[in-house]
Amino acid sequence: MAKRTGIVFDERMKKHFNEWDATHPEVPDRIQRPYDKHKEYGLLERCQEIPSRLATDEELLSQHSKEHVNKMISSQTMTKEELYNMGACDYDSVYMSEHACESARVACGCTLSAVEAVATNKVQNAVAIVRPPGHHADTEFAMGYCFFNNVAVAAKIAQQRWNVQRVLIVDWDIHHGNGTQHLFESDP
């Protein structure tokens, strides 16, 4: 068994930001500040760095529909007006940017990398400092700042790849993780 705590972080997640509302609470600083605090307190040196990556289509499809994944991928080539309308009209409490899909794939990939490092005994435990968040994202749609359900995808992949029988998901956000609940209702 590994003796170190792993940490994964990727600057690409900071590329996604709200171009229409500078006061929106889902901002790049949500991951930069925790990362900086880890650095300030000397925790980064005590942790094993885990490489970041993008979640693959196959991994995303473990919890999300092909239509949802394809819609997110298509957002990368939309005009600013199309992105605005997609966020304002198609989803609840979501803003879109040209980097939304990449940032969301990196967030999910970082979460997967952390889980893999623990599952394969490279580290005892791991911290994934990620955004956009994921607990509101459901099979068919983004919601509540969330595009892909990072934790749900990582839990499902852990079950499939490493035959993990039980996964405990602790969500201490002030809002109910409705997407996570829905994705696991038939898998208690």
Protein backbone atom coordinates (compact mmCIF):
# COMPACT_ATOMS: atom_id res chain seq x y z
CA MET A 1 0.00 0.00 0.00
CA ALA A 2 1.25 3.47 -0.85
CA LYS A 3 2.10 5.77 2.01
CA ARG A 4 1.28 9.15 0.54
CA THR A 5 -1.71 11.30 -0.15
CA GLY A 6 -2.16 12.11 -3.82
CA ILE A 7 -3.22 15.44 -5.25
CA VAL A 8 -4.43 16.32 -8.74
CA PHE A 9 -5.02 19.78 -10.18
CA ASP A 10 -4.98 21.23 -13.69
CA GLU A 11 -4.89 24.88 -14.76
CA ARG A 12 -7.08 24.11 -17.80
CA MET A 13 -10.13 24.05 -15.53
CA LYS A 14 -9.64 27.79 -14.97
CA LYS A 15 -10.26 28.61 -18.65
CA HIS A 16 -14.03 28.30 -18.18
CA PHE A 17 -15.60 31.49 -16.82
CA ASN A 18 -18.79 33.51 -17.19
CA GLU A 19 -18.30 36.21 -19.81
CA TRP A 20 -21.73 37.74 -19.16
CA ASP A 21 -21.84 37.96 -15.36
CA ALA A 22 -18.64 38.79 -13.48
CA THR A 23 -20.46 38.27 -10.15
CA HIS A 24 -21.37 34.64 -10.86
CA PRO A 25 -20.18 32.46 -7.93
CA GLU A 26 -18.80 29.59 -10.07
CA VAL A 27 -15.42 31.11 -10.92
CA PRO A 28 -11.85 29.88 -11.51
CA ASP A 29 -10.89 31.11 -8.03
CA ARG A 30 -12.95 28.25 -6.57
CA ILE A 31 -10.04 25.93 -7.36
CA GLN A 32 -7.14 28.37 -7.31
CA ARG A 33 -7.66 29.37 -3.68
CA PRO A 34 -7.69 25.81 -2.29
CA TYR A 35 -4.63 24.96 -4.39
CA ASP A 36 -2.82 28.07 -3.14
CA LYS A 37 -3.69 27.17 0.48
CA HIS A 38 -2.27 23.66 -0.03
CA LYS A 39 0.90 25.33 -1.30
CA GLU A 40 1.02 27.94 1.49
CA TYR A 41 0.72 25.29 4.20
CA GLY A 42 3.38 23.08 2.63
CA LEU A 43 0.93 20.32 1.79
CA LEU A 44 1.87 20.03 -1.89
CA GLU A 45 5.37 18.85 -0.97
CA ARG A 46 3.88 16.20 1.29
CA CYS A 47 1.57 14.90 -1.45
CA GLN A 48 2.23 12.67 -4.44
CA GLU A 49 1.31 14.58 -7.60
CA ILE A 50 -1.20 12.65 -9.71
CA PRO A 51 -1.20 13.40 -13.46
CA SER A 52 -4.34 15.06 -14.77
CA ARG A 53 -6.15 14.05 -17.94
CA LEU A 54 -9.35 14.46 -19.90
CA ALA A 55 -12.18 12.01 -19.26
CA THR A 56 -12.80 9.90 -22.36
CA ASP A 57 -16.14 9.69 -24.16
CA GLU A 58 -16.43 6.08 -22.98
CA GLU A 59 -15.97 7.11 -19.36
CA LEU A 60 -18.50 9.94 -19.63
CA LEU A 61 -20.97 7.56 -21.28
CA SER A 62 -20.87 5.36 -18.17
CA GLN A 63 -23.28 7.87 -16.58
CA HIS A 64 -24.32 10.30 -19.32
CA SER A 65 -26.27 9.86 -22.52
CA LYS A 66 -24.58 10.09 -25.90
CA GLU A 67 -26.83 13.06 -26.71
CA HIS A 68 -25.65 14.96 -23.64
CA VAL A 69 -21.97 14.22 -24.26
CA ASN A 70 -22.29 15.19 -27.94
CA LYS A 71 -24.13 18.40 -27.06
CA MET A 72 -21.32 19.38 -24.70
CA ILE A 73 -18.70 18.55 -27.34
CA SER A 74 -20.57 20.65 -29.92
CA SER A 75 -20.43 23.66 -27.59
CA GLN A 76 -16.70 23.98 -28.31
CA THR A 77 -17.41 25.36 -31.78
CA MET A 78 -20.44 27.52 -30.99
CA THR A 79 -20.56 31.29 -31.31
CA LYS A 80 -20.78 33.41 -28.17
CA GLU A 81 -24.47 34.01 -28.85
CA GLU A 82 -25.12 30.26 -29.21
CA LEU A 83 -23.22 29.59 -25.99
CA TYR A 84 -25.20 32.25 -24.15
CA ASN A 85 -28.49 30.83 -25.41
CA MET A 86 -27.47 27.27 -24.59
CA GLY A 87 -26.73 28.25 -20.99
CA ALA A 88 -29.71 30.55 -20.59
CA CYS A 89 -32.34 28.47 -22.40
CA ASP A 90 -31.33 24.80 -22.36
CA TYR A 91 -30.19 24.38 -18.76
CA ASP A 92 -30.99 25.43 -15.20
CA SER A 93 -28.30 27.57 -13.53
CA VAL A 94 -25.57 26.88 -16.08
CA TYR A 95 -23.45 29.29 -18.08
CA MET A 96 -21.54 28.17 -21.13
CA SER A 97 -18.17 29.20 -22.52
CA GLU A 98 -15.98 27.96 -25.32
CA HIS A 99 -13.94 26.14 -22.65
CA ALA A 100 -16.85 24.63 -20.69
CA CYS A 101 -16.53 21.16 -22.23
CA GLU A 102 -12.75 20.97 -21.92
CA SER A 103 -12.85 22.21 -18.31
CA ALA A 104 -15.59 19.73 -17.43
CA ARG A 105 -13.71 16.85 -19.09
CA VAL A 106 -10.54 17.79 -17.20
CA ALA A 107 -12.47 18.00 -13.89
CA CYS A 108 -13.92 14.55 -14.50
CA GLY A 109 -10.56 13.20 -15.69
CA CYS A 110 -8.81 14.53 -12.58
CA THR A 111 -11.42 12.86 -10.40
CA LEU A 112 -10.89 9.61 -12.31
CA SER A 113 -7.10 9.92 -11.94
CA ALA A 114 -7.46 10.35 -8.17
CA VAL A 115 -9.71 7.29 -7.91
CA GLU A 116 -7.38 5.23 -10.10
CA ALA A 117 -4.34 6.19 -8.00
CA VAL A 118 -6.12 4.96 -4.86
CA ALA A 119 -7.62 1.85 -6.51
CA THR A 120 -4.22 0.76 -7.83
CA ASN A 121 -2.42 1.47 -4.54
CA LYS A 122 -0.25 4.28 -5.89
CA VAL A 123 -1.51 6.41 -2.98
CA GLN A 124 -3.54 5.74 0.15
CA ASN A 125 -5.95 8.60 -0.46
CA ALA A 126 -6.26 11.52 -2.82
CA VAL A 127 -7.49 15.06 -3.21
CA ALA A 128 -8.88 16.24 -6.56
CA ILE A 129 -9.19 20.03 -6.69
CA VAL A 130 -11.65 20.38 -9.56
CA ARG A 131 -14.23 22.57 -11.21
CA PRO A 132 -16.78 22.77 -12.74
CA PRO A 133 -18.52 20.79 -10.02
CA GLY A 134 -20.64 17.79 -10.92
CA HIS A 135 -23.23 16.70 -8.37
CA HIS A 136 -26.23 18.29 -10.12
CA ALA A 137 -25.41 16.90 -13.60
CA ASP A 138 -27.77 14.13 -14.64
CA THR A 139 -27.82 11.53 -17.41
CA GLU A 140 -29.36 13.82 -20.01
CA PHE A 141 -28.44 17.36 -18.96
CA ALA A 142 -26.19 19.84 -17.22
CA MET A 143 -27.58 21.71 -14.22
CA GLY A 144 -26.52 23.91 -11.32
CA TYR A 145 -23.05 24.84 -12.69
CA CYS A 146 -22.42 21.12 -13.36
CA PHE A 147 -21.79 19.61 -16.81
CA PHE A 148 -20.63 16.05 -16.07
CA ASN A 149 -21.13 14.26 -12.77
CA ASN A 150 -17.45 13.79 -11.88
CA VAL A 151 -17.97 11.68 -8.77
CA ALA A 152 -20.71 9.52 -10.29
CA VAL A 153 -18.55 8.78 -13.34
CA ALA A 154 -15.54 7.97 -11.14
CA ALA A 155 -17.61 5.71 -8.87
CA LYS A 156 -19.09 3.83 -11.84
CA ILE A 157 -15.66 3.40 -13.46
CA ALA A 158 -14.25 2.12 -10.13
CA GLN A 159 -17.02 -0.49 -10.07
CA GLN A 160 -16.35 -1.51 -13.67
CA ARG A 161 -12.52 -1.44 -13.84
CA TRP A 162 -11.46 -2.47 -10.37
CA ASN A 163 -14.49 -4.49 -9.30
CA VAL A 164 -15.15 -2.14 -6.40
CA GLN A 165 -18.30 -3.46 -4.75
CA ARG A 166 -19.21 -0.53 -2.53
CA VAL A 167 -18.61 3.19 -2.93
CA LEU A 168 -19.45 5.78 -0.31
CA ILE A 169 -20.18 9.20 -1.76
CA VAL A 170 -20.17 11.98 0.83
CA ASP A 171 -21.44 15.29 -0.55
CA TRP A 172 -21.23 18.16 1.93
CA ASP A 173 -22.34 20.92 -0.42
CA ILE A 174 -25.12 23.12 0.91
CA HIS A 175 -27.29 21.99 -2.03
CA HIS A 176 -28.61 18.48 -2.50
CA GLY A 177 -26.65 16.51 -5.12
CA ASN A 178 -29.75 15.57 -7.07
CA GLY A 179 -27.81 14.33 -10.10
CA THR A 180 -25.70 11.96 -8.03
CA GLN A 181 -28.76 10.67 -6.20
CA HIS A 182 -30.63 10.05 -9.44
CA LEU A 183 -27.69 8.30 -11.11
CA PHE A 184 -27.38 5.84 -8.22
CA GLU A 185 -31.03 5.33 -7.24
CA SER A 186 -31.03 1.86 -8.78
CA ASP A 187 -27.55 1.05 -7.42
CA PRO A 188 -27.79 1.48 -3.64
